[in-house]
C-alpha cells in the first residue's frame, strides 16, 4: 500500500516560511521593495511568485537558494 500526504499547508505551515524567504529574496537578491507585501495578501504559497511580481527567470533562483531552508524551517501544524 502506498500512502501519499500533501504537506504544503495541509499538515505543515509552509506558506508563512516561504513568504518570509520570498520577501528576503526580493529585497536582497532582486533589489526590489517588498515592504508593502503582507502575509495575508496572498492565499497560498502557489501565488507568491505573482505577489512579488517575479518572472520565470526569477522564480528558479529563489527555489535554488531557499528550498532547503524552507523544508528545514517548516513546522508541522
N, C-alpha and C. Protein backbone atom coordinates (compact mmCIF):
# COMPACT_ATOMS: atom_id res chain seq x y z
N UNK A 1 0.84 -1.16 0.00
CA UNK A 1 0.00 0.00 0.00
C UNK A 1 0.89 1.24 0.00
N UNK A 2 0.55 2.20 -0.83
CA UNK A 2 1.27 3.47 -0.89
C UNK A 2 0.33 4.57 -0.39
N UNK A 3 0.83 5.35 0.56
CA UNK A 3 0.04 6.45 1.11
C UNK A 3 0.77 7.75 0.79
N UNK A 4 0.07 8.69 0.20
CA UNK A 4 0.65 9.98 -0.11
C UNK A 4 0.00 11.06 0.73
N UNK A 5 0.80 11.99 1.20
CA UNK A 5 0.29 13.09 2.02
C UNK A 5 0.81 14.40 1.45
N UNK A 6 -0.10 15.32 1.21
CA UNK A 6 0.27 16.66 0.76
C UNK A 6 0.60 17.49 2.00
N UNK A 7 1.87 17.82 2.21
CA UNK A 7 2.25 18.51 3.44
C UNK A 7 2.13 20.02 3.35
N UNK A 8 2.22 20.60 2.14
CA UNK A 8 2.21 22.06 1.99
C UNK A 8 0.90 22.65 2.47
N UNK A 9 0.93 23.26 3.63
CA UNK A 9 -0.20 23.92 4.24
C UNK A 9 -1.36 22.98 4.55
N UNK A 10 -1.12 21.69 4.50
CA UNK A 10 -2.10 20.72 4.93
C UNK A 10 -1.75 20.26 6.34
N UNK A 11 -0.54 19.74 6.49
CA UNK A 11 -0.09 19.34 7.83
C UNK A 11 1.13 20.14 8.28
N UNK A 12 1.54 21.08 7.45
CA UNK A 12 2.69 21.93 7.80
C UNK A 12 2.43 23.36 7.35
N UNK A 13 3.01 24.32 8.07
CA UNK A 13 2.83 25.74 7.76
C UNK A 13 3.88 26.22 6.76
N UNK A 14 3.81 25.72 5.56
CA UNK A 14 4.78 26.04 4.52
C UNK A 14 4.69 27.49 4.06
N UNK A 15 3.49 27.97 3.89
CA UNK A 15 3.28 29.29 3.28
C UNK A 15 3.97 30.41 4.04
N UNK A 16 3.85 30.44 5.33
CA UNK A 16 4.46 31.53 6.11
C UNK A 16 5.98 31.53 5.95
N UNK A 17 6.59 30.35 5.97
CA UNK A 17 8.04 30.25 5.80
C UNK A 17 8.44 30.70 4.39
N UNK A 18 7.70 30.24 3.40
CA UNK A 18 8.00 30.63 2.02
C UNK A 18 7.84 32.13 1.83
N UNK A 19 6.81 32.70 2.42
CA UNK A 19 6.56 34.14 2.28
C UNK A 19 7.72 34.95 2.86
N UNK A 20 8.17 34.58 4.04
CA UNK A 20 9.27 35.32 4.67
C UNK A 20 10.55 35.25 3.85
N UNK A 21 10.85 34.07 3.32
CA UNK A 21 12.03 33.95 2.46
C UNK A 21 11.83 34.68 1.13
N UNK A 22 10.61 34.73 0.64
CA UNK A 22 10.33 35.45 -0.61
C UNK A 22 10.57 36.95 -0.43
N UNK A 23 10.19 37.48 0.72
CA UNK A 23 10.48 38.89 1.00
C UNK A 23 11.99 39.12 1.02
N UNK A 24 12.70 38.26 1.72
CA UNK A 24 14.16 38.38 1.81
C UNK A 24 14.79 38.30 0.42
N UNK A 25 14.36 37.35 -0.39
CA UNK A 25 14.87 37.17 -1.75
C UNK A 25 14.60 38.41 -2.61
N UNK A 26 13.39 38.94 -2.51
CA UNK A 26 13.01 40.10 -3.32
C UNK A 26 13.87 41.31 -2.98
N UNK A 27 14.11 41.52 -1.70
CA UNK A 27 14.90 42.68 -1.27
C UNK A 27 16.39 42.47 -1.53
N UNK A 28 16.92 41.34 -1.10
CA UNK A 28 18.37 41.11 -1.15
C UNK A 28 18.90 40.67 -2.51
N UNK A 29 18.15 39.84 -3.22
CA UNK A 29 18.64 39.29 -4.49
C UNK A 29 18.15 40.12 -5.68
N UNK A 30 16.86 40.45 -5.67
CA UNK A 30 16.29 41.18 -6.80
C UNK A 30 16.41 42.70 -6.64
N UNK A 31 16.74 43.13 -5.42
CA UNK A 31 16.92 44.56 -5.11
C UNK A 31 15.64 45.36 -5.38
N UNK A 32 14.52 44.78 -4.94
CA UNK A 32 13.21 45.45 -5.07
C UNK A 32 12.60 45.64 -3.69
N UNK A 33 11.70 46.57 -3.60
CA UNK A 33 11.00 46.83 -2.35
C UNK A 33 9.90 45.79 -2.15
N UNK A 34 9.91 45.13 -1.01
CA UNK A 34 8.88 44.14 -0.68
C UNK A 34 8.13 44.54 0.58
N UNK A 35 8.37 45.74 1.07
CA UNK A 35 7.79 46.17 2.34
C UNK A 35 6.28 46.27 2.30
N UNK A 36 5.70 46.51 1.15
CA UNK A 36 4.25 46.68 1.08
C UNK A 36 3.51 45.34 1.08
N UNK A 37 4.22 44.26 0.94
CA UNK A 37 3.60 42.95 0.90
C UNK A 37 3.31 42.45 2.31
N UNK A 38 2.14 41.88 2.47
CA UNK A 38 1.73 41.32 3.76
C UNK A 38 1.43 39.84 3.59
N UNK A 39 1.59 39.09 4.65
CA UNK A 39 1.36 37.65 4.61
C UNK A 39 -0.04 37.31 4.12
N UNK A 40 -1.04 38.08 4.51
CA UNK A 40 -2.41 37.75 4.11
C UNK A 40 -2.79 38.32 2.75
N UNK A 41 -1.85 38.92 2.01
CA UNK A 41 -2.12 39.43 0.67
C UNK A 41 -2.23 38.29 -0.35
N UNK A 42 -1.81 37.14 0.03
CA UNK A 42 -1.74 36.01 -0.90
C UNK A 42 -2.38 34.79 -0.23
N UNK A 43 -3.22 34.10 -0.97
CA UNK A 43 -3.95 32.97 -0.39
C UNK A 43 -3.06 31.79 -0.02
N UNK A 44 -2.16 31.40 -0.90
CA UNK A 44 -1.29 30.25 -0.65
C UNK A 44 0.08 30.49 -1.25
N UNK A 45 1.00 29.59 -0.93
CA UNK A 45 2.36 29.69 -1.45
C UNK A 45 2.41 29.58 -2.97
N UNK A 46 1.37 29.04 -3.58
CA UNK A 46 1.35 28.90 -5.03
C UNK A 46 1.32 30.26 -5.74
N UNK A 47 0.95 31.31 -5.02
CA UNK A 47 0.82 32.63 -5.62
C UNK A 47 1.92 33.60 -5.21
N UNK A 48 2.91 33.14 -4.51
CA UNK A 48 3.99 34.03 -4.06
C UNK A 48 4.70 34.67 -5.25
N UNK A 49 4.93 33.91 -6.27
CA UNK A 49 5.59 34.44 -7.48
C UNK A 49 4.82 35.64 -8.02
N UNK A 50 3.51 35.52 -8.11
CA UNK A 50 2.69 36.62 -8.62
C UNK A 50 2.64 37.78 -7.62
N UNK A 51 2.58 37.47 -6.34
CA UNK A 51 2.51 38.51 -5.32
C UNK A 51 3.72 39.43 -5.37
N UNK A 52 4.89 38.86 -5.59
CA UNK A 52 6.12 39.65 -5.63
C UNK A 52 6.52 40.04 -7.06
N UNK A 53 5.66 39.74 -8.02
CA UNK A 53 5.89 40.10 -9.42
C UNK A 53 7.19 39.54 -9.98
N UNK A 54 7.44 38.28 -9.70
CA UNK A 54 8.61 37.61 -10.25
C UNK A 54 8.27 37.06 -11.63
N UNK A 55 9.26 37.04 -12.52
CA UNK A 55 9.08 36.34 -13.78
C UNK A 55 9.66 34.92 -13.64
N UNK A 56 9.58 34.13 -14.69
CA UNK A 56 10.04 32.74 -14.61
C UNK A 56 11.53 32.64 -14.30
N UNK A 57 12.31 33.58 -14.79
CA UNK A 57 13.75 33.55 -14.55
C UNK A 57 14.09 33.91 -13.10
N UNK A 58 13.19 34.59 -12.41
CA UNK A 58 13.44 34.97 -11.01
C UNK A 58 12.93 33.91 -10.04
N UNK A 59 11.98 33.14 -10.45
CA UNK A 59 11.40 32.09 -9.62
C UNK A 59 12.41 30.96 -9.35
N UNK A 60 13.16 30.58 -10.34
CA UNK A 60 14.12 29.48 -10.23
C UNK A 60 15.22 29.78 -9.20
N UNK A 61 15.88 30.96 -9.25
CA UNK A 61 16.92 31.24 -8.25
C UNK A 61 16.37 31.26 -6.81
N UNK A 62 15.13 31.70 -6.65
CA UNK A 62 14.51 31.68 -5.32
C UNK A 62 14.47 30.26 -4.78
N UNK A 63 13.98 29.34 -5.58
CA UNK A 63 13.89 27.94 -5.14
C UNK A 63 15.28 27.33 -4.93
N UNK A 64 16.21 27.67 -5.80
CA UNK A 64 17.57 27.15 -5.65
C UNK A 64 18.20 27.64 -4.35
N UNK A 65 17.97 28.88 -4.00
CA UNK A 65 18.56 29.46 -2.79
C UNK A 65 17.85 29.05 -1.51
N UNK A 66 16.53 28.92 -1.56
CA UNK A 66 15.76 28.82 -0.32
C UNK A 66 15.01 27.50 -0.10
N UNK A 67 14.93 26.64 -1.09
CA UNK A 67 14.11 25.43 -0.93
C UNK A 67 14.52 24.60 0.29
N UNK A 68 15.81 24.36 0.43
CA UNK A 68 16.28 23.56 1.57
C UNK A 68 15.96 24.26 2.89
N UNK A 69 16.15 25.55 2.95
CA UNK A 69 15.83 26.31 4.17
C UNK A 69 14.33 26.25 4.47
N UNK A 70 13.52 26.33 3.44
CA UNK A 70 12.07 26.25 3.61
C UNK A 70 11.69 24.91 4.23
N UNK A 71 12.22 23.84 3.68
CA UNK A 71 11.90 22.50 4.19
C UNK A 71 12.37 22.34 5.63
N UNK A 72 13.57 22.79 5.93
CA UNK A 72 14.11 22.65 7.28
C UNK A 72 13.32 23.47 8.30
N UNK A 73 12.86 24.66 7.90
CA UNK A 73 12.20 25.56 8.85
C UNK A 73 10.68 25.45 8.89
N UNK A 74 10.10 24.60 8.07
CA UNK A 74 8.65 24.42 8.09
C UNK A 74 8.28 23.49 9.23
N UNK A 75 7.39 23.96 10.06
CA UNK A 75 6.97 23.21 11.24
C UNK A 75 5.60 22.57 11.01
N UNK A 76 5.39 21.38 11.52
CA UNK A 76 4.07 20.75 11.39
C UNK A 76 3.02 21.50 12.21
N UNK A 77 1.78 21.43 11.74
CA UNK A 77 0.68 22.08 12.46
C UNK A 77 0.34 21.28 13.69
